[in-house]
Amino acid sequence: MEAREAELKALQARARVGAATPAEVLAAAERVSQARLALYRANLDLALALEDLARAAGLTLDALRGLLRPLETKGGTSGAPPGSRGP
Protein backbone atom coordinates (compact mmCIF):
# COMPACT_ATOMS: atom_id res chain seq x y z
CA MET A 1 0.00 0.00 0.00
CA GLU A 2 2.70 2.44 1.03
CA ALA A 3 4.81 1.62 -2.01
CA ARG A 4 1.88 2.25 -4.34
CA GLU A 5 1.10 5.57 -2.65
CA ALA A 6 4.75 6.62 -2.92
CA GLU A 7 4.72 5.67 -6.60
CA LEU A 8 1.61 7.81 -7.15
CA LYS A 9 3.11 10.82 -5.37
CA ALA A 10 6.28 10.52 -7.44
CA LEU A 11 4.30 10.34 -10.68
CA GLN A 12 2.17 13.31 -9.63
CA ALA A 13 5.34 15.31 -9.00
CA ARG A 14 6.74 14.25 -12.36
CA ALA A 15 3.46 15.19 -14.05
CA ARG A 16 3.64 18.70 -12.59
CA VAL A 17 6.89 19.27 -14.45
CA GLY A 18 5.73 17.52 -17.61
CA ALA A 19 7.77 14.33 -17.13
CA ALA A 20 4.76 12.03 -16.73
CA THR A 21 1.47 11.82 -18.58
CA PRO A 22 -2.00 12.03 -17.04
CA ALA A 23 -2.53 8.41 -18.12
CA GLU A 24 0.51 7.34 -16.08
CA VAL A 25 -0.84 9.18 -13.04
CA LEU A 26 -4.29 7.61 -13.45
CA ALA A 27 -2.75 4.15 -13.81
CA ALA A 28 -0.79 4.70 -10.60
CA ALA A 29 -3.96 5.90 -8.84
CA GLU A 30 -5.70 2.72 -9.98
CA ARG A 31 -2.87 0.63 -8.51
CA VAL A 32 -3.31 2.48 -5.19
CA SER A 33 -7.04 1.69 -5.28
CA GLN A 34 -6.32 -1.98 -6.04
CA ALA A 35 -3.82 -2.17 -3.18
CA ARG A 36 -6.31 -0.53 -0.81
CA LEU A 37 -9.01 -3.01 -1.85
CA ALA A 38 -6.62 -5.94 -1.35
CA LEU A 39 -5.83 -4.63 2.14
CA TYR A 40 -9.53 -4.34 3.02
CA ARG A 41 -10.16 -7.87 1.73
CA ALA A 42 -7.23 -9.24 3.72
CA ASN A 43 -8.51 -7.55 6.89
CA LEU A 44 -11.99 -8.97 6.27
CA ASP A 45 -10.54 -12.45 5.72
CA LEU A 46 -8.55 -12.11 8.95
CA ALA A 47 -11.62 -11.01 10.91
CA LEU A 48 -13.66 -13.92 9.58
CA ALA A 49 -10.87 -16.41 10.29
CA LEU A 50 -10.54 -15.12 13.86
CA GLU A 51 -14.27 -15.51 14.39
CA ASP A 52 -14.15 -19.07 13.02
CA LEU A 53 -11.16 -19.93 15.20
CA ALA A 54 -12.81 -18.51 18.31
CA ARG A 55 -15.97 -20.46 17.58
CA ALA A 56 -14.02 -23.70 16.97
CA ALA A 57 -12.04 -23.22 20.18
CA GLY A 58 -15.17 -22.43 22.17
CA LEU A 59 -13.91 -18.98 23.07
CA THR A 60 -15.29 -15.51 22.74
CA LEU A 61 -13.53 -13.34 20.18
CA ASP A 62 -12.19 -11.13 23.00
CA ALA A 63 -10.79 -14.18 24.82
CA LEU A 64 -9.06 -15.37 21.65
CA ARG A 65 -7.59 -11.93 21.08
CA GLY A 66 -6.33 -11.96 24.66
CA LEU A 67 -4.53 -15.24 23.98
CA LEU A 68 -3.06 -13.97 20.71
CA ARG A 69 -1.95 -10.56 21.98
CA PRO A 70 1.31 -11.82 23.58
CA LEU A 71 2.23 -13.51 20.30
CA GLU A 72 1.60 -10.32 18.34
CA THR A 73 3.85 -8.27 20.60
CA LYS A 74 6.64 -10.83 20.15
CA GLY A 75 6.34 -10.74 16.37
CA GLY A 76 4.49 -14.02 15.94
CA THR A 77 5.71 -17.54 16.35
CA SER A 78 7.96 -19.91 14.46
CA GLY A 79 4.90 -21.88 13.43
CA ALA A 80 5.37 -24.44 16.17
CA PRO A 81 2.60 -24.84 18.73
CA PRO A 82 3.25 -23.22 22.13
CA GLY A 83 5.27 -25.49 24.38
CA SER A 84 6.69 -27.58 21.54
CA ARG A 85 10.37 -27.85 20.86
CA GLY A 86 11.99 -27.00 17.61
CA PRO A 87 14.47 -29.26 15.77
C-alpha atoms as a PDB file:
ATOM      1  CA  MET A   1       0.000   0.000   0.000  1.00  0.00           C
ATOM      2  CA  GLU A   2       2.698   2.436   1.027  1.00  0.00           C
ATOM      3  CA  ALA A   3       4.811   1.620  -2.013  1.00  0.00           C
ATOM      4  CA  ARG A   4       1.879   2.254  -4.344  1.00  0.00           C
ATOM      5  CA  GLU A   5       1.104   5.571  -2.646  1.00  0.00           C
ATOM      6  CA  ALA A   6       4.750   6.623  -2.919  1.00  0.00           C
ATOM      7  CA  GLU A   7       4.716   5.675  -6.600  1.00  0.00           C
ATOM      8  CA  LEU A   8       1.609   7.806  -7.149  1.00  0.00           C
ATOM      9  CA  LYS A   9       3.109  10.819  -5.367  1.00  0.00           C
ATOM     10  CA  ALA A  10       6.279  10.520  -7.437  1.00  0.00           C
ATOM     11  CA  LEU A  11       4.304  10.341 -10.675  1.00  0.00           C
ATOM     12  CA  GLN A  12       2.170  13.306  -9.628  1.00  0.00           C
ATOM     13  CA  ALA A  13       5.343  15.315  -9.001  1.00  0.00           C
ATOM     14  CA  ARG A  14       6.743  14.249 -12.361  1.00  0.00           C
ATOM     15  CA  ALA A  15       3.461  15.187 -14.051  1.00  0.00           C
ATOM     16  CA  ARG A  16       3.639  18.698 -12.587  1.00  0.00           C
ATOM     17  CA  VAL A  17       6.890  19.271 -14.449  1.00  0.00           C
ATOM     18  CA  GLY A  18       5.726  17.515 -17.606  1.00  0.00           C
ATOM     19  CA  ALA A  19       7.775  14.329 -17.133  1.00  0.00           C
ATOM     20  CA  ALA A  20       4.758  12.027 -16.727  1.00  0.00           C
ATOM     21  CA  THR A  21       1.470  11.820 -18.581  1.00  0.00           C
ATOM     22  CA  PRO A  22      -1.995  12.034 -17.044  1.00  0.00           C
ATOM     23  CA  ALA A  23      -2.526   8.411 -18.120  1.00  0.00           C
ATOM     24  CA  GLU A  24       0.506   7.335 -16.076  1.00  0.00           C
ATOM     25  CA  VAL A  25      -0.839   9.179 -13.044  1.00  0.00           C
ATOM     26  CA  LEU A  26      -4.287   7.608 -13.455  1.00  0.00           C
ATOM     27  CA  ALA A  27      -2.753   4.145 -13.808  1.00  0.00           C
ATOM     28  CA  ALA A  28      -0.788   4.700 -10.596  1.00  0.00           C
ATOM     29  CA  ALA A  29      -3.958   5.903  -8.842  1.00  0.00           C
ATOM     30  CA  GLU A  30      -5.704   2.724  -9.977  1.00  0.00           C
ATOM     31  CA  ARG A  31      -2.873   0.628  -8.509  1.00  0.00           C
ATOM     32  CA  VAL A  32      -3.313   2.482  -5.194  1.00  0.00           C
ATOM     33  CA  SER A  33      -7.036   1.688  -5.284  1.00  0.00           C
ATOM     34  CA  GLN A  34      -6.320  -1.979  -6.040  1.00  0.00           C
ATOM     35  CA  ALA A  35      -3.820  -2.173  -3.182  1.00  0.00           C
ATOM     36  CA  ARG A  36      -6.307  -0.529  -0.810  1.00  0.00           C
ATOM     37  CA  LEU A  37      -9.012  -3.010  -1.852  1.00  0.00           C
ATOM     38  CA  ALA A  38      -6.619  -5.935  -1.348  1.00  0.00           C
ATOM     39  CA  LEU A  39      -5.831  -4.626   2.141  1.00  0.00           C
ATOM     40  CA  TYR A  40      -9.529  -4.338   3.018  1.00  0.00           C
ATOM     41  CA  ARG A  41     -10.161  -7.867   1.735  1.00  0.00           C
ATOM     42  CA  ALA A  42      -7.231  -9.242   3.722  1.00  0.00           C
ATOM     43  CA  ASN A  43      -8.513  -7.548   6.887  1.00  0.00           C
ATOM     44  CA  LEU A  44     -11.989  -8.968   6.274  1.00  0.00           C
ATOM     45  CA  ASP A  45     -10.545 -12.454   5.720  1.00  0.00           C
ATOM     46  CA  LEU A  46      -8.552 -12.110   8.951  1.00  0.00           C
ATOM     47  CA  ALA A  47     -11.617 -11.009  10.915  1.00  0.00           C
ATOM     48  CA  LEU A  48     -13.665 -13.921   9.576  1.00  0.00           C
ATOM     49  CA  ALA A  49     -10.867 -16.408  10.291  1.00  0.00           C
ATOM     50  CA  LEU A  50     -10.538 -15.123  13.857  1.00  0.00           C
ATOM     51  CA  GLU A  51     -14.274 -15.513  14.387  1.00  0.00           C
ATOM     52  CA  ASP A  52     -14.149 -19.072  13.016  1.00  0.00           C
ATOM     53  CA  LEU A  53     -11.155 -19.933  15.203  1.00  0.00           C
ATOM     54  CA  ALA A  54     -12.813 -18.511  18.309  1.00  0.00           C
ATOM     55  CA  ARG A  55     -15.973 -20.463  17.579  1.00  0.00           C
ATOM     56  CA  ALA A  56     -14.018 -23.702  16.966  1.00  0.00           C
ATOM     57  CA  ALA A  57     -12.041 -23.222  20.183  1.00  0.00           C
ATOM     58  CA  GLY A  58     -15.169 -22.434  22.173  1.00  0.00           C
ATOM     59  CA  LEU A  59     -13.906 -18.976  23.071  1.00  0.00           C
ATOM     60  CA  THR A  60     -15.291 -15.514  22.738  1.00  0.00           C
ATOM     61  CA  LEU A  61     -13.531 -13.343  20.182  1.00  0.00           C
ATOM     62  CA  ASP A  62     -12.195 -11.133  22.996  1.00  0.00           C
ATOM     63  CA  ALA A  63     -10.787 -14.177  24.817  1.00  0.00           C
ATOM     64  CA  LEU A  64      -9.064 -15.371  21.650  1.00  0.00           C
ATOM     65  CA  ARG A  65      -7.588 -11.929  21.077  1.00  0.00           C
ATOM     66  CA  GLY A  66      -6.333 -11.961  24.659  1.00  0.00           C
ATOM     67  CA  LEU A  67      -4.525 -15.236  23.976  1.00  0.00           C
ATOM     68  CA  LEU A  68      -3.060 -13.974  20.710  1.00  0.00           C
ATOM     69  CA  ARG A  69      -1.949 -10.563  21.979  1.00  0.00           C
ATOM     70  CA  PRO A  70       1.310 -11.817  23.579  1.00  0.00           C
ATOM     71  CA  LEU A  71       2.234 -13.512  20.299  1.00  0.00           C
ATOM     72  CA  GLU A  72       1.597 -10.318  18.339  1.00  0.00           C
ATOM     73  CA  THR A  73       3.854  -8.268  20.599  1.00  0.00           C
ATOM     74  CA  LYS A  74       6.637 -10.829  20.150  1.00  0.00           C
ATOM     75  CA  GLY A  75       6.340 -10.737  16.369  1.00  0.00           C
ATOM     76  CA  GLY A  76       4.485 -14.017  15.940  1.00  0.00           C
ATOM     77  CA  THR A  77       5.715 -17.543  16.350  1.00  0.00           C
ATOM     78  CA  SER A  78       7.957 -19.908  14.457  1.00  0.00           C
ATOM     79  CA  GLY A  79       4.900 -21.876  13.432  1.00  0.00           C
ATOM     80  CA  ALA A  80       5.374 -24.440  16.171  1.00  0.00           C
ATOM     81  CA  PRO A  81       2.599 -24.836  18.725  1.00  0.00           C
ATOM     82  CA  PRO A  82       3.249 -23.219  22.126  1.00  0.00           C
ATOM     83  CA  GLY A  83       5.275 -25.488  24.381  1.00  0.00           C
ATOM     84  CA  SER A  84       6.690 -27.583  21.540  1.00  0.00           C
ATOM     85  CA  ARG A  85      10.370 -27.848  20.860  1.00  0.00           C
ATOM     86  CA  GLY A  86      11.992 -27.003  17.607  1.00  0.00           C
ATOM     87  CA  PRO A  87      14.472 -29.263  15.770  1.00  0.00           C
END
